[in-house]
Amino acid sequence: MSEEITTWPELAISLYDKLTGRGAEITYEFEQLDIYVPSKVEDNPKMAKWTLNGILKIRTRDTGTA
């Protein structure tokens, strides 16, 4: 019986697990993606704004060890 995927993180993990070791490449391309990163773990922290423009590639490969 297969598990039902109900969230985006579960989908990403499932996809990555299936592609790992198969020479797969996952590519994410960002255009003006703004991320606000908290400076501390507390209520109402100051936020740093990070803007991503470009490509992030995640590559997997099979090392051939068994």
C-alpha atoms as a PDB file:
ATOM      1  CA  MET A   1       0.000   0.000   0.000  1.00  0.00           C
ATOM      2  CA  SER A   2       1.445   3.413  -0.941  1.00  0.00           C
ATOM      3  CA  GLU A   3       1.349   6.420   1.359  1.00  0.00           C
ATOM      4  CA  GLU A   4      -0.717   9.416   0.316  1.00  0.00           C
ATOM      5  CA  ILE A   5       1.272  12.612  -0.195  1.00  0.00           C
ATOM      6  CA  THR A   6      -0.544  15.599   1.292  1.00  0.00           C
ATOM      7  CA  THR A   7       2.010  18.438   1.529  1.00  0.00           C
ATOM      8  CA  TRP A   8       4.556  20.134  -0.755  1.00  0.00           C
ATOM      9  CA  PRO A   9       7.516  19.045   1.435  1.00  0.00           C
ATOM     10  CA  GLU A  10       6.335  15.417   1.275  1.00  0.00           C
ATOM     11  CA  LEU A  11       6.075  15.672  -2.514  1.00  0.00           C
ATOM     12  CA  ALA A  12       9.593  17.136  -2.786  1.00  0.00           C
ATOM     13  CA  ILE A  13      11.054  14.426  -0.540  1.00  0.00           C
ATOM     14  CA  SER A  14       9.273  11.674  -2.455  1.00  0.00           C
ATOM     15  CA  LEU A  15      10.452  13.005  -5.816  1.00  0.00           C
ATOM     16  CA  TYR A  16      14.048  13.427  -4.619  1.00  0.00           C
ATOM     17  CA  ASP A  17      14.066   9.899  -3.126  1.00  0.00           C
ATOM     18  CA  LYS A  18      12.875   8.441  -6.433  1.00  0.00           C
ATOM     19  CA  LEU A  19      15.480  10.353  -8.455  1.00  0.00           C
ATOM     20  CA  THR A  20      18.475   9.816  -6.176  1.00  0.00           C
ATOM     21  CA  GLY A  21      20.985   7.457  -7.724  1.00  0.00           C
ATOM     22  CA  ARG A  22      19.508   7.673 -11.195  1.00  0.00           C
ATOM     23  CA  GLY A  23      21.663  10.460 -12.575  1.00  0.00           C
ATOM     24  CA  ALA A  24      18.772  12.886 -12.219  1.00  0.00           C
ATOM     25  CA  GLU A  25      18.962  16.647 -12.016  1.00  0.00           C
ATOM     26  CA  ILE A  26      16.374  18.887 -10.390  1.00  0.00           C
ATOM     27  CA  THR A  27      16.507  22.524 -11.502  1.00  0.00           C
ATOM     28  CA  TYR A  28      14.801  25.458  -9.807  1.00  0.00           C
ATOM     29  CA  GLU A  29      14.779  28.834 -11.532  1.00  0.00           C
ATOM     30  CA  PHE A  30      13.975  31.987  -9.582  1.00  0.00           C
ATOM     31  CA  GLU A  31      13.066  35.434 -10.843  1.00  0.00           C
ATOM     32  CA  GLN A  32      12.694  38.077  -8.144  1.00  0.00           C
ATOM     33  CA  LEU A  33      11.873  35.603  -5.344  1.00  0.00           C
ATOM     34  CA  ASP A  34      11.905  37.522  -2.060  1.00  0.00           C
ATOM     35  CA  ILE A  35      12.495  35.593   1.151  1.00  0.00           C
ATOM     36  CA  TYR A  36      12.336  37.226   4.566  1.00  0.00           C
ATOM     37  CA  VAL A  37      14.732  35.549   6.994  1.00  0.00           C
ATOM     38  CA  PRO A  38      14.352  36.170  10.748  1.00  0.00           C
ATOM     39  CA  SER A  39      17.424  37.427  12.618  1.00  0.00           C
ATOM     40  CA  LYS A  40      16.507  35.512  15.794  1.00  0.00           C
ATOM     41  CA  VAL A  41      14.089  32.881  17.039  1.00  0.00           C
ATOM     42  CA  GLU A  42      11.768  35.113  19.031  1.00  0.00           C
ATOM     43  CA  ASP A  43       8.500  37.011  18.707  1.00  0.00           C
ATOM     44  CA  ASN A  44       8.652  39.796  16.102  1.00  0.00           C
ATOM     45  CA  PRO A  45      12.339  39.517  15.115  1.00  0.00           C
ATOM     46  CA  LYS A  46      13.967  41.849  12.602  1.00  0.00           C
ATOM     47  CA  MET A  47      13.824  40.378   9.120  1.00  0.00           C
ATOM     48  CA  ALA A  48      16.508  40.337   6.457  1.00  0.00           C
ATOM     49  CA  LYS A  49      15.222  40.380   2.876  1.00  0.00           C
ATOM     50  CA  TRP A  50      16.979  37.982   0.511  1.00  0.00           C
ATOM     51  CA  THR A  51      16.200  38.227  -3.204  1.00  0.00           C
ATOM     52  CA  LEU A  52      16.963  35.227  -5.387  1.00  0.00           C
ATOM     53  CA  ASN A  53      17.514  35.549  -9.115  1.00  0.00           C
ATOM     54  CA  GLY A  54      19.010  32.685 -11.027  1.00  0.00           C
ATOM     55  CA  ILE A  55      19.141  28.921 -11.087  1.00  0.00           C
ATOM     56  CA  LEU A  56      19.690  26.374  -8.334  1.00  0.00           C
ATOM     57  CA  LYS A  57      20.563  22.865  -9.558  1.00  0.00           C
ATOM     58  CA  ILE A  58      20.509  19.730  -7.427  1.00  0.00           C
ATOM     59  CA  ARG A  59      22.251  16.809  -9.079  1.00  0.00           C
ATOM     60  CA  THR A  60      22.331  13.196  -7.987  1.00  0.00           C
ATOM     61  CA  ARG A  61      24.527  10.407  -9.246  1.00  0.00           C
ATOM     62  CA  ASP A  62      25.008   6.722  -8.638  1.00  0.00           C
ATOM     63  CA  THR A  63      28.496   6.085  -7.259  1.00  0.00           C
ATOM     64  CA  GLY A  64      28.340   2.484  -8.426  1.00  0.00           C
ATOM     65  CA  THR A  65      29.033   1.018  -4.973  1.00  0.00           C
ATOM     66  CA  ALA A  66      26.899  -1.877  -3.923  1.00  0.00           C
END
